[in-house]
Structures are given as C-alpha cells and as structure tokens.
N, C-alpha and C. Protein backbone atom coordinates (compact mmCIF):
# COMPACT_ATOMS: atom_id res chain seq x y z
N MET A 1 29.50 18.93 -4.14
CA MET A 1 29.83 17.52 -4.01
C MET A 1 28.55 16.69 -4.06
N GLY A 2 28.49 15.68 -4.93
CA GLY A 2 27.30 14.85 -5.08
C GLY A 2 27.19 13.79 -4.01
N MET A 3 26.02 13.19 -3.96
CA MET A 3 25.76 12.12 -3.01
C MET A 3 26.41 10.83 -3.51
N ASP A 4 26.93 10.03 -2.59
CA ASP A 4 27.48 8.71 -2.90
C ASP A 4 26.43 7.94 -3.71
N PRO A 5 26.84 7.29 -4.82
CA PRO A 5 25.86 6.59 -5.67
C PRO A 5 25.07 5.51 -4.93
N THR A 6 25.74 4.77 -4.05
CA THR A 6 25.04 3.73 -3.28
C THR A 6 24.03 4.38 -2.35
N LEU A 7 24.43 5.43 -1.67
CA LEU A 7 23.54 6.15 -0.76
C LEU A 7 22.35 6.71 -1.54
N SER A 8 22.63 7.24 -2.71
CA SER A 8 21.59 7.79 -3.56
C SER A 8 20.60 6.70 -3.97
N THR A 9 21.11 5.52 -4.33
CA THR A 9 20.26 4.40 -4.74
C THR A 9 19.39 3.93 -3.57
N ILE A 10 20.00 3.78 -2.40
CA ILE A 10 19.25 3.36 -1.21
C ILE A 10 18.17 4.38 -0.90
N ASN A 11 18.54 5.64 -0.89
CA ASN A 11 17.59 6.71 -0.58
C ASN A 11 16.42 6.70 -1.56
N ALA A 12 16.73 6.58 -2.85
CA ALA A 12 15.68 6.60 -3.87
C ALA A 12 14.74 5.41 -3.71
N SER A 13 15.29 4.22 -3.49
CA SER A 13 14.42 3.05 -3.36
C SER A 13 13.58 3.10 -2.09
N LEU A 14 14.16 3.60 -0.99
CA LEU A 14 13.39 3.71 0.26
C LEU A 14 12.29 4.76 0.12
N GLN A 15 12.59 5.85 -0.54
CA GLN A 15 11.56 6.88 -0.74
C GLN A 15 10.44 6.34 -1.62
N GLU A 16 10.80 5.58 -2.64
CA GLU A 16 9.79 4.99 -3.52
C GLU A 16 8.89 4.04 -2.73
N MET A 17 9.50 3.20 -1.89
CA MET A 17 8.72 2.22 -1.13
C MET A 17 7.90 2.84 -0.02
N THR A 18 8.46 3.84 0.65
CA THR A 18 7.75 4.44 1.78
C THR A 18 6.75 5.49 1.34
N GLY A 19 7.03 6.12 0.20
CA GLY A 19 6.20 7.23 -0.23
C GLY A 19 6.53 8.49 0.56
N ALA A 20 7.54 8.39 1.41
CA ALA A 20 7.95 9.52 2.23
C ALA A 20 8.87 10.42 1.41
N SER A 21 8.76 11.69 1.64
CA SER A 21 9.62 12.64 0.96
C SER A 21 10.70 13.10 1.94
N LEU A 22 11.77 12.34 2.00
CA LEU A 22 12.86 12.63 2.92
C LEU A 22 13.89 13.51 2.21
N PRO A 23 14.45 14.48 2.92
CA PRO A 23 15.49 15.30 2.28
C PRO A 23 16.71 14.44 1.92
N ALA A 24 17.46 14.87 0.94
CA ALA A 24 18.66 14.12 0.54
C ALA A 24 19.60 14.02 1.73
N PRO A 25 19.97 12.79 2.11
CA PRO A 25 20.84 12.62 3.27
C PRO A 25 22.28 13.01 2.96
N LYS A 26 22.97 13.50 4.00
CA LYS A 26 24.39 13.86 3.85
C LYS A 26 25.26 12.60 3.82
N ASP A 27 24.85 11.60 4.61
CA ASP A 27 25.58 10.35 4.69
C ASP A 27 24.65 9.25 5.19
N LEU A 28 25.19 8.06 5.37
CA LEU A 28 24.38 6.92 5.79
C LEU A 28 23.74 7.15 7.16
N GLN A 29 24.47 7.79 8.07
CA GLN A 29 23.92 8.06 9.40
C GLN A 29 22.74 9.02 9.32
N ASP A 30 22.84 9.99 8.45
CA ASP A 30 21.76 10.95 8.26
C ASP A 30 20.52 10.24 7.70
N LEU A 31 20.73 9.37 6.72
CA LEU A 31 19.63 8.60 6.15
C LEU A 31 18.99 7.73 7.23
N GLU A 32 19.82 7.08 8.03
CA GLU A 32 19.32 6.22 9.11
C GLU A 32 18.47 7.03 10.10
N GLN A 33 18.92 8.22 10.44
CA GLN A 33 18.17 9.06 11.38
C GLN A 33 16.83 9.50 10.79
N GLN A 34 16.83 9.92 9.55
CA GLN A 34 15.59 10.34 8.90
C GLN A 34 14.60 9.18 8.81
N LEU A 35 15.11 8.03 8.43
CA LEU A 35 14.28 6.84 8.30
C LEU A 35 13.77 6.41 9.68
N SER A 36 14.62 6.48 10.66
CA SER A 36 14.24 6.15 12.03
C SER A 36 13.10 7.03 12.53
N ASP A 37 13.19 8.32 12.27
CA ASP A 37 12.13 9.26 12.67
C ASP A 37 10.82 8.90 11.97
N TYR A 38 10.91 8.57 10.69
CA TYR A 38 9.73 8.20 9.91
C TYR A 38 9.11 6.92 10.47
N ILE A 39 9.94 5.93 10.77
CA ILE A 39 9.45 4.65 11.30
C ILE A 39 8.82 4.85 12.67
N ASN A 40 9.43 5.66 13.52
CA ASN A 40 8.85 5.94 14.83
C ASN A 40 7.47 6.58 14.68
N HIS A 41 7.33 7.43 13.68
CA HIS A 41 6.03 8.04 13.41
C HIS A 41 5.02 6.95 13.02
N LEU A 42 5.44 6.02 12.15
CA LEU A 42 4.56 4.93 11.75
C LEU A 42 4.19 4.03 12.93
N ILE A 43 5.15 3.77 13.80
CA ILE A 43 4.88 2.93 14.98
C ILE A 43 3.76 3.56 15.81
N GLN A 44 3.80 4.86 15.94
CA GLN A 44 2.80 5.56 16.76
C GLN A 44 1.47 5.76 16.06
N PHE A 45 1.51 6.07 14.76
CA PHE A 45 0.30 6.54 14.10
C PHE A 45 -0.24 5.66 12.96
N ASP A 46 0.59 4.78 12.39
CA ASP A 46 0.13 3.97 11.26
C ASP A 46 0.89 2.65 11.21
N PHE A 47 0.68 1.83 12.24
CA PHE A 47 1.41 0.59 12.37
C PHE A 47 1.18 -0.35 11.19
N ASN A 48 -0.05 -0.38 10.67
CA ASN A 48 -0.35 -1.25 9.52
C ASN A 48 0.52 -0.88 8.32
N ARG A 49 0.75 0.40 8.11
CA ARG A 49 1.60 0.85 7.00
C ARG A 49 3.03 0.35 7.20
N LEU A 50 3.48 0.39 8.45
CA LEU A 50 4.83 -0.10 8.75
C LEU A 50 4.93 -1.59 8.43
N VAL A 51 3.95 -2.35 8.83
CA VAL A 51 3.95 -3.79 8.57
C VAL A 51 3.98 -4.05 7.05
N GLN A 52 3.18 -3.31 6.30
CA GLN A 52 3.17 -3.46 4.84
C GLN A 52 4.53 -3.11 4.25
N LEU A 53 5.13 -2.06 4.76
CA LEU A 53 6.43 -1.61 4.28
C LEU A 53 7.50 -2.67 4.54
N LEU A 54 7.50 -3.25 5.72
CA LEU A 54 8.48 -4.29 6.05
C LEU A 54 8.31 -5.50 5.13
N TYR A 55 7.06 -5.83 4.85
CA TYR A 55 6.78 -6.94 3.94
C TYR A 55 7.29 -6.61 2.54
N ARG A 56 7.03 -5.40 2.10
CA ARG A 56 7.44 -4.97 0.75
C ARG A 56 8.96 -4.96 0.59
N ILE A 57 9.65 -4.55 1.64
CA ILE A 57 11.12 -4.50 1.59
C ILE A 57 11.71 -5.90 1.78
N ASP A 58 10.86 -6.85 2.22
CA ASP A 58 11.28 -8.23 2.42
C ASP A 58 12.15 -8.38 3.65
N ILE A 59 11.62 -7.91 4.76
CA ILE A 59 12.32 -8.04 6.04
C ILE A 59 11.58 -9.09 6.86
N SER A 60 12.30 -10.09 7.29
CA SER A 60 11.73 -11.19 8.05
C SER A 60 11.22 -10.71 9.41
N GLU A 61 9.97 -11.06 9.69
CA GLU A 61 9.37 -10.71 10.98
C GLU A 61 10.14 -11.37 12.12
N ALA A 62 10.54 -12.62 11.92
CA ALA A 62 11.29 -13.36 12.94
C ALA A 62 12.62 -12.66 13.23
N ARG A 63 13.30 -12.24 12.19
CA ARG A 63 14.60 -11.57 12.36
C ARG A 63 14.43 -10.25 13.10
N LEU A 64 13.38 -9.53 12.75
CA LEU A 64 13.12 -8.25 13.38
C LEU A 64 12.78 -8.43 14.87
N LYS A 65 11.94 -9.41 15.18
CA LYS A 65 11.59 -9.68 16.58
C LYS A 65 12.84 -10.03 17.38
N GLN A 66 13.69 -10.88 16.79
CA GLN A 66 14.93 -11.29 17.46
C GLN A 66 15.82 -10.08 17.73
N LEU A 67 15.95 -9.23 16.73
CA LEU A 67 16.78 -8.03 16.86
C LEU A 67 16.25 -7.11 17.96
N LEU A 68 14.95 -6.91 17.99
CA LEU A 68 14.35 -6.05 19.01
C LEU A 68 14.52 -6.64 20.40
N GLN A 69 14.46 -7.96 20.52
CA GLN A 69 14.66 -8.62 21.82
C GLN A 69 16.11 -8.56 22.26
N LEU A 70 17.04 -8.67 21.31
CA LEU A 70 18.47 -8.63 21.63
C LEU A 70 18.93 -7.23 22.06
N HIS A 71 18.21 -6.20 21.60
CA HIS A 71 18.60 -4.82 21.88
C HIS A 71 17.43 -4.03 22.46
N PRO A 72 16.93 -4.44 23.63
CA PRO A 72 15.74 -3.78 24.18
C PRO A 72 15.99 -2.31 24.54
N GLN A 73 17.24 -1.93 24.75
CA GLN A 73 17.56 -0.55 25.09
C GLN A 73 17.60 0.36 23.88
N GLU A 74 17.68 -0.22 22.69
CA GLU A 74 17.72 0.58 21.46
C GLU A 74 16.32 1.01 21.05
N GLU A 75 16.24 2.14 20.42
CA GLU A 75 14.99 2.64 19.89
C GLU A 75 14.56 1.75 18.72
N ALA A 76 13.31 1.30 18.73
CA ALA A 76 12.81 0.39 17.69
C ALA A 76 12.96 0.99 16.29
N GLY A 77 12.64 2.27 16.15
CA GLY A 77 12.74 2.93 14.84
C GLY A 77 14.14 2.88 14.28
N LYS A 78 15.12 3.04 15.16
CA LYS A 78 16.52 3.02 14.72
C LYS A 78 16.92 1.62 14.27
N LEU A 79 16.52 0.61 15.03
CA LEU A 79 16.85 -0.77 14.66
C LEU A 79 16.19 -1.15 13.33
N ILE A 80 14.93 -0.78 13.18
CA ILE A 80 14.21 -1.09 11.94
C ILE A 80 14.84 -0.35 10.76
N ALA A 81 15.22 0.89 10.96
CA ALA A 81 15.88 1.67 9.90
C ALA A 81 17.18 0.99 9.47
N GLN A 82 17.96 0.52 10.45
CA GLN A 82 19.23 -0.16 10.13
C GLN A 82 18.98 -1.41 9.30
N VAL A 83 17.94 -2.18 9.68
CA VAL A 83 17.62 -3.40 8.94
C VAL A 83 17.15 -3.07 7.53
N MET A 84 16.35 -2.01 7.38
CA MET A 84 15.87 -1.61 6.05
C MET A 84 17.04 -1.21 5.15
N ILE A 85 17.94 -0.42 5.69
CA ILE A 85 19.11 0.03 4.91
C ILE A 85 19.99 -1.16 4.55
N GLU A 86 20.20 -2.04 5.52
CA GLU A 86 20.99 -3.25 5.29
C GLU A 86 20.37 -4.09 4.16
N ARG A 87 19.06 -4.23 4.19
CA ARG A 87 18.35 -5.02 3.17
C ARG A 87 18.52 -4.39 1.79
N GLN A 88 18.45 -3.07 1.73
CA GLN A 88 18.62 -2.38 0.44
C GLN A 88 20.05 -2.57 -0.07
N LEU A 89 21.03 -2.53 0.83
CA LEU A 89 22.43 -2.77 0.43
C LEU A 89 22.59 -4.18 -0.14
N GLU A 90 21.94 -5.16 0.51
CA GLU A 90 22.01 -6.54 0.02
C GLU A 90 21.43 -6.62 -1.39
N LYS A 91 20.32 -5.94 -1.62
CA LYS A 91 19.70 -5.97 -2.95
C LYS A 91 20.61 -5.34 -4.00
N ILE A 92 21.26 -4.23 -3.64
CA ILE A 92 22.18 -3.56 -4.58
C ILE A 92 23.34 -4.49 -4.92
N LYS A 93 23.92 -5.14 -3.90
CA LYS A 93 25.04 -6.05 -4.13
C LYS A 93 24.60 -7.23 -4.98
N SER A 94 23.42 -7.74 -4.71
CA SER A 94 22.90 -8.88 -5.46
C SER A 94 22.69 -8.51 -6.93
N ARG A 95 22.11 -7.34 -7.17
CA ARG A 95 21.90 -6.89 -8.55
C ARG A 95 23.23 -6.74 -9.27
N ALA A 96 24.22 -6.19 -8.57
CA ALA A 96 25.53 -5.98 -9.18
C ALA A 96 26.18 -7.33 -9.51
N ARG A 97 26.01 -8.29 -8.61
CA ARG A 97 26.61 -9.61 -8.80
C ARG A 97 25.98 -10.34 -9.98
N TYR A 98 24.66 -10.18 -10.14
CA TYR A 98 23.97 -10.95 -11.16
C TYR A 98 23.70 -10.18 -12.45
N SER A 99 24.06 -8.91 -12.47
CA SER A 99 23.87 -8.18 -13.73
C SER A 99 24.95 -8.62 -14.70
N SER A 100 24.57 -8.75 -15.92
CA SER A 100 25.48 -9.28 -16.93
C SER A 100 26.47 -8.22 -17.39
N PRO A 101 27.76 -8.54 -17.33
CA PRO A 101 28.76 -7.60 -17.86
C PRO A 101 28.88 -7.74 -19.37
N ALA A 102 27.97 -8.50 -19.98
CA ALA A 102 28.00 -8.74 -21.42
C ALA A 102 27.82 -7.44 -22.19
N ASP A 103 28.09 -7.51 -23.44
CA ASP A 103 27.96 -6.37 -24.34
C ASP A 103 26.54 -5.81 -24.27
N PRO A 104 26.40 -4.56 -23.84
CA PRO A 104 25.07 -3.98 -23.71
C PRO A 104 24.36 -3.83 -25.05
N GLU A 105 25.10 -3.87 -26.15
CA GLU A 105 24.52 -3.76 -27.48
C GLU A 105 23.78 -5.04 -27.88
N SER A 106 24.22 -6.16 -27.31
CA SER A 106 23.62 -7.44 -27.65
C SER A 106 22.24 -7.55 -27.03
N LYS A 107 21.27 -7.93 -27.84
CA LYS A 107 19.90 -8.08 -27.38
C LYS A 107 19.59 -9.52 -26.97
N GLU A 108 20.56 -10.41 -27.21
CA GLU A 108 20.35 -11.82 -26.87
C GLU A 108 20.44 -12.04 -25.38
N GLU A 109 19.63 -12.99 -24.90
CA GLU A 109 19.73 -13.35 -23.48
C GLU A 109 20.96 -14.18 -23.26
N LYS A 110 21.63 -13.95 -22.16
CA LYS A 110 22.81 -14.72 -21.81
C LYS A 110 22.42 -15.76 -20.77
N TRP A 111 22.83 -17.00 -21.01
CA TRP A 111 22.53 -18.07 -20.05
C TRP A 111 23.75 -18.54 -19.41
C-alpha cells in the first residue's frame, strides 16, 4: 500500500526544507511525531537552524508565540510540527486552486 499523495508531498517538501532524512511516515500522526522529534533536537542543539527553517516555511513568529502561550502544557516541538504541516497543507491547497486546468499541451499563458 502506497503513501497518501498529500502526505507524500508534505513529507517530501519538509525533508527538502529541513535537510533531515526522515523515514517515510505511516500517516500524518507519524509524520508529526518524527518532525516533532527533529524540532526538539533543533531547539536544544541548533536553534538558529530552527529559526531559519521557520522563516523558510513562512511561519509567522507572532502566530507561533501566540500558539506556544495558549498551550504552555504542550511540547513546543509538537506544536511547531503541527504548524509546519498545516502550512504545507495550505501551500498544497493553494497550488491546486491556482494551477490551471487548461490544456497541458498549450504553451500559451492563461490570464
């Protein structure tokens, strides 16, 4: 049984951005856990890399601070992983919405 295409896309883009070699996740929860472990490692050992990664994925610092304050009992790595996955899902939906269903054979730009 293959991986869900959306899950596969999220996993591939996160691996590309993080440079981390995460095993193929079984499901979204598995991906979240792997990403959470990776983020917790960055929090402890390479915080600057985490900051760069959040910037690259386009996650608002203000939103992240608010989320961490609203859920002080939650593990930071888990919350950040959820936001990263959520952001990737938004990008996938946005690309799908704005990709042209026009004839792929046509080389003309559609306006």
